[in-house]
mmCIF file of all heavy atoms, coordinates in Angstrom:
data_MODEL
# 
_entry.id   MODEL 
# 
loop_
_atom_site.group_PDB 
_atom_site.id 
_atom_site.type_symbol 
_atom_site.label_atom_id 
_atom_site.label_alt_id 
_atom_site.label_comp_id 
_atom_site.label_asym_id 
_atom_site.label_entity_id 
_atom_site.label_seq_id 
_atom_site.pdbx_PDB_ins_code 
_atom_site.Cartn_x 
_atom_site.Cartn_y 
_atom_site.Cartn_z 
_atom_site.occupancy 
_atom_site.B_iso_or_equiv 
_atom_site.pdbx_formal_charge 
_atom_site.auth_seq_id 
_atom_site.auth_comp_id 
_atom_site.auth_asym_id 
_atom_site.auth_atom_id 
_atom_site.pdbx_PDB_model_num 
ATOM 1   N N   . HIS A 1 1  ? 1.440   -7.391 13.195 1.00 0.00 ? 1  HIS A N   1 
ATOM 2   C CA  . HIS A 1 1  ? 0.560   -6.287 12.803 1.00 0.00 ? 1  HIS A CA  1 
ATOM 3   C C   . HIS A 1 1  ? 0.902   -4.974 13.495 1.00 0.00 ? 1  HIS A C   1 
ATOM 4   O O   . HIS A 1 1  ? 0.034   -4.117 13.675 1.00 0.00 ? 1  HIS A O   1 
ATOM 5   C CB  . HIS A 1 1  ? -0.912  -6.648 13.036 1.00 0.00 ? 1  HIS A CB  1 
ATOM 6   C CG  . HIS A 1 1  ? -1.331  -7.852 12.266 1.00 0.00 ? 1  HIS A CG  1 
ATOM 7   N ND1 . HIS A 1 1  ? -2.024  -8.894 12.842 1.00 0.00 ? 1  HIS A ND1 1 
ATOM 8   C CD2 . HIS A 1 1  ? -1.155  -8.217 10.971 1.00 0.00 ? 1  HIS A CD2 1 
ATOM 9   C CE1 . HIS A 1 1  ? -2.246  -9.827 11.939 1.00 0.00 ? 1  HIS A CE1 1 
ATOM 10  N NE2 . HIS A 1 1  ? -1.740  -9.428 10.796 1.00 0.00 ? 1  HIS A NE2 1 
ATOM 11  N N   . LYS A 1 2  ? 2.155   -4.813 13.848 1.00 0.00 ? 2  LYS A N   1 
ATOM 12  C CA  . LYS A 1 2  ? 2.608   -3.560 14.438 1.00 0.00 ? 2  LYS A CA  1 
ATOM 13  C C   . LYS A 1 2  ? 2.715   -2.515 13.329 1.00 0.00 ? 2  LYS A C   1 
ATOM 14  O O   . LYS A 1 2  ? 3.316   -2.761 12.287 1.00 0.00 ? 2  LYS A O   1 
ATOM 15  C CB  . LYS A 1 2  ? 3.973   -3.750 15.097 1.00 0.00 ? 2  LYS A CB  1 
ATOM 16  C CG  . LYS A 1 2  ? 4.526   -2.509 15.751 1.00 0.00 ? 2  LYS A CG  1 
ATOM 17  C CD  . LYS A 1 2  ? 5.881   -2.808 16.400 1.00 0.00 ? 2  LYS A CD  1 
ATOM 18  C CE  . LYS A 1 2  ? 6.399   -1.619 17.154 1.00 0.00 ? 2  LYS A CE  1 
ATOM 19  N NZ  . LYS A 1 2  ? 6.961   -0.588 16.332 1.00 0.00 ? 2  LYS A NZ  1 
ATOM 20  N N   . ILE A 1 3  ? 2.127   -1.354 13.563 1.00 0.00 ? 3  ILE A N   1 
ATOM 21  C CA  . ILE A 1 3  ? 2.162   -0.283 12.577 1.00 0.00 ? 3  ILE A CA  1 
ATOM 22  C C   . ILE A 1 3  ? 3.456   0.499  12.748 1.00 0.00 ? 3  ILE A C   1 
ATOM 23  O O   . ILE A 1 3  ? 3.767   0.984  13.833 1.00 0.00 ? 3  ILE A O   1 
ATOM 24  C CB  . ILE A 1 3  ? 0.932   0.629  12.716 1.00 0.00 ? 3  ILE A CB  1 
ATOM 25  C CG1 . ILE A 1 3  ? -0.340  -0.173 12.428 1.00 0.00 ? 3  ILE A CG1 1 
ATOM 26  C CG2 . ILE A 1 3  ? 1.042   1.825  11.773 1.00 0.00 ? 3  ILE A CG2 1 
ATOM 27  C CD1 . ILE A 1 3  ? -1.627  0.558  12.726 1.00 0.00 ? 3  ILE A CD1 1 
ATOM 28  N N   . ILE A 1 4  ? 4.207   0.598  11.650 1.00 0.00 ? 4  ILE A N   1 
ATOM 29  C CA  . ILE A 1 4  ? 5.482   1.320  11.636 1.00 0.00 ? 4  ILE A CA  1 
ATOM 30  C C   . ILE A 1 4  ? 5.238   2.679  10.991 1.00 0.00 ? 4  ILE A C   1 
ATOM 31  O O   . ILE A 1 4  ? 4.833   2.749  9.825  1.00 0.00 ? 4  ILE A O   1 
ATOM 32  C CB  . ILE A 1 4  ? 6.546   0.548  10.828 1.00 0.00 ? 4  ILE A CB  1 
ATOM 33  C CG1 . ILE A 1 4  ? 6.783   -0.827 11.434 1.00 0.00 ? 4  ILE A CG1 1 
ATOM 34  C CG2 . ILE A 1 4  ? 7.837   1.356  10.731 1.00 0.00 ? 4  ILE A CG2 1 
ATOM 35  C CD1 . ILE A 1 4  ? 7.573   -1.760 10.525 1.00 0.00 ? 4  ILE A CD1 1 
ATOM 36  N N   . GLU A 1 5  ? 5.464   3.741  11.732 1.00 0.00 ? 5  GLU A N   1 
ATOM 37  C CA  . GLU A 1 5  ? 5.328   5.089  11.202 1.00 0.00 ? 5  GLU A CA  1 
ATOM 38  C C   . GLU A 1 5  ? 6.658   5.480  10.562 1.00 0.00 ? 5  GLU A C   1 
ATOM 39  O O   . GLU A 1 5  ? 7.679   5.542  11.232 1.00 0.00 ? 5  GLU A O   1 
ATOM 40  C CB  . GLU A 1 5  ? 4.972   6.071  12.312 1.00 0.00 ? 5  GLU A CB  1 
ATOM 41  C CG  . GLU A 1 5  ? 3.637   5.779  12.955 1.00 0.00 ? 5  GLU A CG  1 
ATOM 42  C CD  . GLU A 1 5  ? 3.323   6.726  14.107 1.00 0.00 ? 5  GLU A CD  1 
ATOM 43  O OE1 . GLU A 1 5  ? 4.157   7.597  14.446 1.00 0.00 ? 5  GLU A OE1 1 
ATOM 44  O OE2 . GLU A 1 5  ? 2.227   6.586  14.665 1.00 0.00 ? 5  GLU A OE2 1 
ATOM 45  N N   . LEU A 1 6  ? 6.640   5.733  9.265  1.00 0.00 ? 6  LEU A N   1 
ATOM 46  C CA  . LEU A 1 6  ? 7.863   6.125  8.576  1.00 0.00 ? 6  LEU A CA  1 
ATOM 47  C C   . LEU A 1 6  ? 8.253   7.542  8.981  1.00 0.00 ? 6  LEU A C   1 
ATOM 48  O O   . LEU A 1 6  ? 7.399   8.416  9.121  1.00 0.00 ? 6  LEU A O   1 
ATOM 49  C CB  . LEU A 1 6  ? 7.684   6.029  7.067  1.00 0.00 ? 6  LEU A CB  1 
ATOM 50  C CG  . LEU A 1 6  ? 7.430   4.604  6.559  1.00 0.00 ? 6  LEU A CG  1 
ATOM 51  C CD1 . LEU A 1 6  ? 7.106   4.621  5.078  1.00 0.00 ? 6  LEU A CD1 1 
ATOM 52  C CD2 . LEU A 1 6  ? 8.615   3.708  6.839  1.00 0.00 ? 6  LEU A CD2 1 
ATOM 53  N N   . ASP A 1 7  ? 9.542   7.743  9.163  1.00 0.00 ? 7  ASP A N   1 
ATOM 54  C CA  . ASP A 1 7  ? 10.059  9.039  9.601  1.00 0.00 ? 7  ASP A CA  1 
ATOM 55  C C   . ASP A 1 7  ? 9.790   10.088 8.525  1.00 0.00 ? 7  ASP A C   1 
ATOM 56  O O   . ASP A 1 7  ? 10.000  9.846  7.333  1.00 0.00 ? 7  ASP A O   1 
ATOM 57  C CB  . ASP A 1 7  ? 11.565  8.920  9.864  1.00 0.00 ? 7  ASP A CB  1 
ATOM 58  C CG  . ASP A 1 7  ? 12.113  10.082 10.647 1.00 0.00 ? 7  ASP A CG  1 
ATOM 59  O OD1 . ASP A 1 7  ? 11.877  11.235 10.240 1.00 0.00 ? 7  ASP A OD1 1 
ATOM 60  O OD2 . ASP A 1 7  ? 12.780  9.835  11.667 1.00 0.00 ? 7  ASP A OD2 1 
ATOM 61  N N   . TYR A 1 8  ? 9.339   11.249 8.942  1.00 0.00 ? 8  TYR A N   1 
ATOM 62  C CA  . TYR A 1 8  ? 9.050   12.323 7.997  1.00 0.00 ? 8  TYR A CA  1 
ATOM 63  C C   . TYR A 1 8  ? 10.285  12.783 7.229  1.00 0.00 ? 8  TYR A C   1 
ATOM 64  O O   . TYR A 1 8  ? 10.154  13.387 6.164  1.00 0.00 ? 8  TYR A O   1 
ATOM 65  C CB  . TYR A 1 8  ? 8.417   13.516 8.711  1.00 0.00 ? 8  TYR A CB  1 
ATOM 66  C CG  . TYR A 1 8  ? 6.994   13.299 9.167  1.00 0.00 ? 8  TYR A CG  1 
ATOM 67  C CD1 . TYR A 1 8  ? 6.473   14.033 10.219 1.00 0.00 ? 8  TYR A CD1 1 
ATOM 68  C CD2 . TYR A 1 8  ? 6.148   12.381 8.540  1.00 0.00 ? 8  TYR A CD2 1 
ATOM 69  C CE1 . TYR A 1 8  ? 5.171   13.866 10.643 1.00 0.00 ? 8  TYR A CE1 1 
ATOM 70  C CE2 . TYR A 1 8  ? 4.846   12.200 8.960  1.00 0.00 ? 8  TYR A CE2 1 
ATOM 71  C CZ  . TYR A 1 8  ? 4.355   12.950 10.015 1.00 0.00 ? 8  TYR A CZ  1 
ATOM 72  O OH  . TYR A 1 8  ? 3.066   12.782 10.435 1.00 0.00 ? 8  TYR A OH  1 
ATOM 73  N N   . LYS A 1 9  ? 11.482  12.496 7.731  1.00 0.00 ? 9  LYS A N   1 
ATOM 74  C CA  . LYS A 1 9  ? 12.693  12.914 7.010  1.00 0.00 ? 9  LYS A CA  1 
ATOM 75  C C   . LYS A 1 9  ? 12.736  12.294 5.609  1.00 0.00 ? 9  LYS A C   1 
ATOM 76  O O   . LYS A 1 9  ? 13.236  12.915 4.678  1.00 0.00 ? 9  LYS A O   1 
ATOM 77  C CB  . LYS A 1 9  ? 13.964  12.561 7.793  1.00 0.00 ? 9  LYS A CB  1 
ATOM 78  C CG  . LYS A 1 9  ? 14.253  11.076 7.897  1.00 0.00 ? 9  LYS A CG  1 
ATOM 79  C CD  . LYS A 1 9  ? 15.493  10.790 8.725  1.00 0.00 ? 9  LYS A CD  1 
ATOM 80  C CE  . LYS A 1 9  ? 15.731  9.300  8.835  1.00 0.00 ? 9  LYS A CE  1 
ATOM 81  N NZ  . LYS A 1 9  ? 16.820  8.989  9.737  1.00 0.00 ? 9  LYS A NZ  1 
ATOM 82  N N   . TYR A 1 10 ? 12.197  11.078 5.462  1.00 0.00 ? 10 TYR A N   1 
ATOM 83  C CA  . TYR A 1 10 ? 12.172  10.454 4.140  1.00 0.00 ? 10 TYR A CA  1 
ATOM 84  C C   . TYR A 1 10 ? 11.242  11.209 3.199  1.00 0.00 ? 10 TYR A C   1 
ATOM 85  O O   . TYR A 1 10 ? 11.526  11.367 2.018  1.00 0.00 ? 10 TYR A O   1 
ATOM 86  C CB  . TYR A 1 10 ? 11.765  8.989  4.230  1.00 0.00 ? 10 TYR A CB  1 
ATOM 87  C CG  . TYR A 1 10 ? 12.738  8.170  5.036  1.00 0.00 ? 10 TYR A CG  1 
ATOM 88  C CD1 . TYR A 1 10 ? 12.352  7.571  6.229  1.00 0.00 ? 10 TYR A CD1 1 
ATOM 89  C CD2 . TYR A 1 10 ? 14.052  8.018  4.624  1.00 0.00 ? 10 TYR A CD2 1 
ATOM 90  C CE1 . TYR A 1 10 ? 13.254  6.830  6.977  1.00 0.00 ? 10 TYR A CE1 1 
ATOM 91  C CE2 . TYR A 1 10 ? 14.957  7.296  5.371  1.00 0.00 ? 10 TYR A CE2 1 
ATOM 92  C CZ  . TYR A 1 10 ? 14.555  6.698  6.549  1.00 0.00 ? 10 TYR A CZ  1 
ATOM 93  O OH  . TYR A 1 10 ? 15.444  5.983  7.287  1.00 0.00 ? 10 TYR A OH  1 
ATOM 94  N N   . PHE A 1 11 ? 10.126  11.679 3.722  1.00 0.00 ? 11 PHE A N   1 
ATOM 95  C CA  . PHE A 1 11 ? 9.183   12.432 2.897  1.00 0.00 ? 11 PHE A CA  1 
ATOM 96  C C   . PHE A 1 11 ? 9.734   13.807 2.550  1.00 0.00 ? 11 PHE A C   1 
ATOM 97  O O   . PHE A 1 11 ? 9.449   14.341 1.485  1.00 0.00 ? 11 PHE A O   1 
ATOM 98  C CB  . PHE A 1 11 ? 7.817   12.498 3.580  1.00 0.00 ? 11 PHE A CB  1 
ATOM 99  C CG  . PHE A 1 11 ? 7.208   11.136 3.704  1.00 0.00 ? 11 PHE A CG  1 
ATOM 100 C CD1 . PHE A 1 11 ? 7.396   10.383 4.848  1.00 0.00 ? 11 PHE A CD1 1 
ATOM 101 C CD2 . PHE A 1 11 ? 6.509   10.583 2.645  1.00 0.00 ? 11 PHE A CD2 1 
ATOM 102 C CE1 . PHE A 1 11 ? 6.877   9.113  4.950  1.00 0.00 ? 11 PHE A CE1 1 
ATOM 103 C CE2 . PHE A 1 11 ? 5.981   9.310  2.732  1.00 0.00 ? 11 PHE A CE2 1 
ATOM 104 C CZ  . PHE A 1 11 ? 6.171   8.571  3.888  1.00 0.00 ? 11 PHE A CZ  1 
ATOM 105 N N   . ASP A 1 12 ? 10.554  14.365 3.441  1.00 0.00 ? 12 ASP A N   1 
ATOM 106 C CA  . ASP A 1 12 ? 11.233  15.625 3.115  1.00 0.00 ? 12 ASP A CA  1 
ATOM 107 C C   . ASP A 1 12 ? 12.143  15.411 1.912  1.00 0.00 ? 12 ASP A C   1 
ATOM 108 O O   . ASP A 1 12 ? 12.230  16.273 1.038  1.00 0.00 ? 12 ASP A O   1 
ATOM 109 C CB  . ASP A 1 12 ? 12.045  16.133 4.307  1.00 0.00 ? 12 ASP A CB  1 
ATOM 110 C CG  . ASP A 1 12 ? 11.168  16.635 5.445  1.00 0.00 ? 12 ASP A CG  1 
ATOM 111 O OD1 . ASP A 1 12 ? 9.975   16.926 5.219  1.00 0.00 ? 12 ASP A OD1 1 
ATOM 112 O OD2 . ASP A 1 12 ? 11.683  16.736 6.583  1.00 0.00 ? 12 ASP A OD2 1 
ATOM 113 N N   . ASP A 1 13 ? 12.810  14.257 1.840  1.00 0.00 ? 13 ASP A N   1 
ATOM 114 C CA  . ASP A 1 13 ? 13.672  13.941 0.695  1.00 0.00 ? 13 ASP A CA  1 
ATOM 115 C C   . ASP A 1 13 ? 12.851  13.628 -0.560 1.00 0.00 ? 13 ASP A C   1 
ATOM 116 O O   . ASP A 1 13 ? 13.251  13.967 -1.671 1.00 0.00 ? 13 ASP A O   1 
ATOM 117 C CB  . ASP A 1 13 ? 14.600  12.768 1.015  1.00 0.00 ? 13 ASP A CB  1 
ATOM 118 C CG  . ASP A 1 13 ? 15.657  13.127 2.049  1.00 0.00 ? 13 ASP A CG  1 
ATOM 119 O OD1 . ASP A 1 13 ? 15.999  14.323 2.166  1.00 0.00 ? 13 ASP A OD1 1 
ATOM 120 O OD2 . ASP A 1 13 ? 16.131  12.217 2.750  1.00 0.00 ? 13 ASP A OD2 1 
ATOM 121 N N   . ILE A 1 14 ? 11.713  12.979 -0.392 1.00 0.00 ? 14 ILE A N   1 
ATOM 122 C CA  . ILE A 1 14 ? 10.818  12.707 -1.520 1.00 0.00 ? 14 ILE A CA  1 
ATOM 123 C C   . ILE A 1 14 ? 10.262  14.024 -2.056 1.00 0.00 ? 14 ILE A C   1 
ATOM 124 O O   . ILE A 1 14 ? 10.124  14.208 -3.253 1.00 0.00 ? 14 ILE A O   1 
ATOM 125 C CB  . ILE A 1 14 ? 9.678   11.755 -1.098 1.00 0.00 ? 14 ILE A CB  1 
ATOM 126 C CG1 . ILE A 1 14 ? 10.238  10.354 -0.820 1.00 0.00 ? 14 ILE A CG1 1 
ATOM 127 C CG2 . ILE A 1 14 ? 8.567   11.711 -2.148 1.00 0.00 ? 14 ILE A CG2 1 
ATOM 128 C CD1 . ILE A 1 14 ? 9.244   9.409  -0.165 1.00 0.00 ? 14 ILE A CD1 1 
ATOM 129 N N   . ALA A 1 15 ? 9.956   14.941 -1.166 1.00 0.00 ? 15 ALA A N   1 
ATOM 130 C CA  . ALA A 1 15 ? 9.482   16.292 -1.495 1.00 0.00 ? 15 ALA A CA  1 
ATOM 131 C C   . ALA A 1 15 ? 8.211   16.307 -2.349 1.00 0.00 ? 15 ALA A C   1 
ATOM 132 O O   . ALA A 1 15 ? 8.197   16.855 -3.463 1.00 0.00 ? 15 ALA A O   1 
ATOM 133 C CB  . ALA A 1 15 ? 10.594  17.102 -2.150 1.00 0.00 ? 15 ALA A CB  1 
ATOM 134 N N   . PRO A 1 16 ? 7.135   15.726 -1.839 1.00 0.00 ? 16 PRO A N   1 
ATOM 135 C CA  . PRO A 1 16 ? 5.893   15.771 -2.619 1.00 0.00 ? 16 PRO A CA  1 
ATOM 136 C C   . PRO A 1 16 ? 5.363   17.197 -2.729 1.00 0.00 ? 16 PRO A C   1 
ATOM 137 O O   . PRO A 1 16 ? 5.463   17.980 -1.789 1.00 0.00 ? 16 PRO A O   1 
ATOM 138 C CB  . PRO A 1 16 ? 4.933   14.892 -1.805 1.00 0.00 ? 16 PRO A CB  1 
ATOM 139 C CG  . PRO A 1 16 ? 5.448   14.942 -0.400 1.00 0.00 ? 16 PRO A CG  1 
ATOM 140 C CD  . PRO A 1 16 ? 6.941   15.090 -0.532 1.00 0.00 ? 16 PRO A CD  1 
ATOM 141 N N   . SER A 1 17 ? 4.801   17.518 -3.891 1.00 0.00 ? 17 SER A N   1 
ATOM 142 C CA  . SER A 1 17 ? 4.187   18.830 -4.051 1.00 0.00 ? 17 SER A CA  1 
ATOM 143 C C   . SER A 1 17 ? 2.701   18.781 -3.692 1.00 0.00 ? 17 SER A C   1 
ATOM 144 O O   . SER A 1 17 ? 2.115   19.803 -3.344 1.00 0.00 ? 17 SER A O   1 
ATOM 145 C CB  . SER A 1 17 ? 4.385   19.354 -5.469 1.00 0.00 ? 17 SER A CB  1 
ATOM 146 O OG  . SER A 1 17 ? 3.997   18.392 -6.410 1.00 0.00 ? 17 SER A OG  1 
ATOM 147 N N   . ILE A 1 18 ? 2.119   17.595 -3.779 1.00 0.00 ? 18 ILE A N   1 
ATOM 148 C CA  . ILE A 1 18 ? 0.710   17.359 -3.435 1.00 0.00 ? 18 ILE A CA  1 
ATOM 149 C C   . ILE A 1 18 ? 0.617   15.946 -2.864 1.00 0.00 ? 18 ILE A C   1 
ATOM 150 O O   . ILE A 1 18 ? 1.329   15.041 -3.314 1.00 0.00 ? 18 ILE A O   1 
ATOM 151 C CB  . ILE A 1 18 ? -0.197  17.458 -4.681 1.00 0.00 ? 18 ILE A CB  1 
ATOM 152 C CG1 . ILE A 1 18 ? -0.150  18.872 -5.273 1.00 0.00 ? 18 ILE A CG1 1 
ATOM 153 C CG2 . ILE A 1 18 ? -1.635  17.060 -4.369 1.00 0.00 ? 18 ILE A CG2 1 
ATOM 154 C CD1 . ILE A 1 18 ? -0.819  18.988 -6.630 1.00 0.00 ? 18 ILE A CD1 1 
ATOM 155 N N   . ILE A 1 19 ? -0.290  15.755 -1.909 1.00 0.00 ? 19 ILE A N   1 
ATOM 156 C CA  . ILE A 1 19 ? -0.559  14.421 -1.368 1.00 0.00 ? 19 ILE A CA  1 
ATOM 157 C C   . ILE A 1 19 ? -2.026  14.099 -1.616 1.00 0.00 ? 19 ILE A C   1 
ATOM 158 O O   . ILE A 1 19 ? -2.904  14.910 -1.320 1.00 0.00 ? 19 ILE A O   1 
ATOM 159 C CB  . ILE A 1 19 ? -0.246  14.352 0.143  1.00 0.00 ? 19 ILE A CB  1 
ATOM 160 C CG1 . ILE A 1 19 ? 1.239   14.655 0.397  1.00 0.00 ? 19 ILE A CG1 1 
ATOM 161 C CG2 . ILE A 1 19 ? -0.637  12.985 0.717  1.00 0.00 ? 19 ILE A CG2 1 
ATOM 162 C CD1 . ILE A 1 19 ? 1.585   14.877 1.856  1.00 0.00 ? 19 ILE A CD1 1 
ATOM 163 N N   . ILE A 1 20 ? -2.267  12.920 -2.179 1.00 0.00 ? 20 ILE A N   1 
ATOM 164 C CA  . ILE A 1 20 ? -3.625  12.405 -2.343 1.00 0.00 ? 20 ILE A CA  1 
ATOM 165 C C   . ILE A 1 20 ? -3.755  11.233 -1.374 1.00 0.00 ? 20 ILE A C   1 
ATOM 166 O O   . ILE A 1 20 ? -3.046  10.232 -1.505 1.00 0.00 ? 20 ILE A O   1 
ATOM 167 C CB  . ILE A 1 20 ? -3.904  11.920 -3.790 1.00 0.00 ? 20 ILE A CB  1 
ATOM 168 C CG1 . ILE A 1 20 ? -3.553  12.997 -4.820 1.00 0.00 ? 20 ILE A CG1 1 
ATOM 169 C CG2 . ILE A 1 20 ? -5.349  11.449 -3.912 1.00 0.00 ? 20 ILE A CG2 1 
ATOM 170 C CD1 . ILE A 1 20 ? -4.334  14.280 -4.723 1.00 0.00 ? 20 ILE A CD1 1 
ATOM 171 N N   . ASN A 1 21 ? -4.642  11.375 -0.389 1.00 0.00 ? 21 ASN A N   1 
ATOM 172 C CA  . ASN A 1 21 ? -4.862  10.347 0.623  1.00 0.00 ? 21 ASN A CA  1 
ATOM 173 C C   . ASN A 1 21 ? -6.028  9.461  0.181  1.00 0.00 ? 21 ASN A C   1 
ATOM 174 O O   . ASN A 1 21 ? -7.185  9.878  0.220  1.00 0.00 ? 21 ASN A O   1 
ATOM 175 C CB  . ASN A 1 21 ? -5.168  11.013 1.978  1.00 0.00 ? 21 ASN A CB  1 
ATOM 176 C CG  . ASN A 1 21 ? -5.437  10.007 3.063  1.00 0.00 ? 21 ASN A CG  1 
ATOM 177 O OD1 . ASN A 1 21 ? -4.650  9.110  3.282  1.00 0.00 ? 21 ASN A OD1 1 
ATOM 178 N ND2 . ASN A 1 21 ? -6.568  10.163 3.745  1.00 0.00 ? 21 ASN A ND2 1 
ATOM 179 N N   . VAL A 1 22 ? -5.720  8.262  -0.261 1.00 0.00 ? 22 VAL A N   1 
ATOM 180 C CA  . VAL A 1 22 ? -6.743  7.340  -0.758 1.00 0.00 ? 22 VAL A CA  1 
ATOM 181 C C   . VAL A 1 22 ? -7.281  6.521  0.409  1.00 0.00 ? 22 VAL A C   1 
ATOM 182 O O   . VAL A 1 22 ? -6.518  5.984  1.214  1.00 0.00 ? 22 VAL A O   1 
ATOM 183 C CB  . VAL A 1 22 ? -6.168  6.402  -1.844 1.00 0.00 ? 22 VAL A CB  1 
ATOM 184 C CG1 . VAL A 1 22 ? -7.256  5.499  -2.409 1.00 0.00 ? 22 VAL A CG1 1 
ATOM 185 C CG2 . VAL A 1 22 ? -5.511  7.207  -2.957 1.00 0.00 ? 22 VAL A CG2 1 
ATOM 186 N N   . PHE A 1 23 ? -8.599  6.435  0.501  1.00 0.00 ? 23 PHE A N   1 
ATOM 187 C CA  . PHE A 1 23 ? -9.229  5.653  1.563  1.00 0.00 ? 23 PHE A CA  1 
ATOM 188 C C   . PHE A 1 23 ? -10.395 4.857  0.988  1.00 0.00 ? 23 PHE A C   1 
ATOM 189 O O   . PHE A 1 23 ? -10.902 5.154  -0.094 1.00 0.00 ? 23 PHE A O   1 
ATOM 190 C CB  . PHE A 1 23 ? -9.694  6.557  2.716  1.00 0.00 ? 23 PHE A CB  1 
ATOM 191 C CG  . PHE A 1 23 ? -10.851 7.445  2.364  1.00 0.00 ? 23 PHE A CG  1 
ATOM 192 C CD1 . PHE A 1 23 ? -12.152 7.076  2.662  1.00 0.00 ? 23 PHE A CD1 1 
ATOM 193 C CD2 . PHE A 1 23 ? -10.637 8.660  1.717  1.00 0.00 ? 23 PHE A CD2 1 
ATOM 194 C CE1 . PHE A 1 23 ? -13.219 7.897  2.330  1.00 0.00 ? 23 PHE A CE1 1 
ATOM 195 C CE2 . PHE A 1 23 ? -11.703 9.494  1.376  1.00 0.00 ? 23 PHE A CE2 1 
ATOM 196 C CZ  . PHE A 1 23 ? -12.992 9.111  1.689  1.00 0.00 ? 23 PHE A CZ  1 
ATOM 197 N N   . ALA A 1 24 ? -10.802 3.833  1.736  1.00 0.00 ? 24 ALA A N   1 
ATOM 198 C CA  . ALA A 1 24 ? -11.942 3.002  1.338  1.00 0.00 ? 24 ALA A CA  1 
ATOM 199 C C   . ALA A 1 24 ? -12.521 2.362  2.595  1.00 0.00 ? 24 ALA A C   1 
ATOM 200 O O   . ALA A 1 24 ? -11.885 2.355  3.655  1.00 0.00 ? 24 ALA A O   1 
ATOM 201 C CB  . ALA A 1 24 ? -11.514 1.923  0.342  1.00 0.00 ? 24 ALA A CB  1 
ATOM 202 N N   . ASP A 1 25 ? -13.687 1.799  2.456  1.00 0.00 ? 25 ASP A N   1 
ATOM 203 C CA  . ASP A 1 25 ? -14.304 1.060  3.542  1.00 0.00 ? 25 ASP A CA  1 
ATOM 204 C C   . ASP A 1 25 ? -13.418 -0.137 3.891  1.00 0.00 ? 25 ASP A C   1 
ATOM 205 O O   . ASP A 1 25 ? -12.914 -0.832 2.989  1.00 0.00 ? 25 ASP A O   1 
ATOM 206 C CB  . ASP A 1 25 ? -15.699 0.583  3.104  1.00 0.00 ? 25 ASP A CB  1 
ATOM 207 C CG  . ASP A 1 25 ? -16.372 -0.257 4.155  1.00 0.00 ? 25 ASP A CG  1 
ATOM 208 O OD1 . ASP A 1 25 ? -16.843 0.310  5.151  1.00 0.00 ? 25 ASP A OD1 1 
ATOM 209 O OD2 . ASP A 1 25 ? -16.397 -1.497 3.971  1.00 0.00 ? 25 ASP A OD2 1 
ATOM 210 N N   . ALA A 1 26 ? -13.220 -0.380 5.180  1.00 0.00 ? 26 ALA A N   1 
ATOM 211 C CA  . ALA A 1 26 ? -12.337 -1.462 5.622  1.00 0.00 ? 26 ALA A CA  1 
ATOM 212 C C   . ALA A 1 26 ? -12.785 -2.826 5.095  1.00 0.00 ? 26 ALA A C   1 
ATOM 213 O O   . ALA A 1 26 ? -11.947 -3.667 4.742  1.00 0.00 ? 26 ALA A O   1 
ATOM 214 C CB  . ALA A 1 26 ? -12.248 -1.474 7.148  1.00 0.00 ? 26 ALA A CB  1 
ATOM 215 N N   . ASN A 1 27 ? -14.090 -3.062 5.017  1.00 0.00 ? 27 ASN A N   1 
ATOM 216 C CA  . ASN A 1 27 ? -14.582 -4.338 4.487  1.00 0.00 ? 27 ASN A CA  1 
ATOM 217 C C   . ASN A 1 27 ? -14.211 -4.514 3.020  1.00 0.00 ? 27 ASN A C   1 
ATOM 218 O O   . ASN A 1 27 ? -13.892 -5.615 2.573  1.00 0.00 ? 27 ASN A O   1 
ATOM 219 C CB  . ASN A 1 27 ? -16.102 -4.434 4.655  1.00 0.00 ? 27 ASN A CB  1 
ATOM 220 C CG  . ASN A 1 27 ? -16.510 -4.631 6.085  1.00 0.00 ? 27 ASN A CG  1 
ATOM 221 O OD1 . ASN A 1 27 ? -16.040 -5.552 6.758  1.00 0.00 ? 27 ASN A OD1 1 
ATOM 222 N ND2 . ASN A 1 27 ? -17.360 -3.745 6.595  1.00 0.00 ? 27 ASN A ND2 1 
# 
């Protein structure tokens, strides 16, 4: 269960114009 933070360089290559952060109750 180690959380791996993806390097932002990949997102620079993906080049999103908008980000939608989806969230929900943990339960």
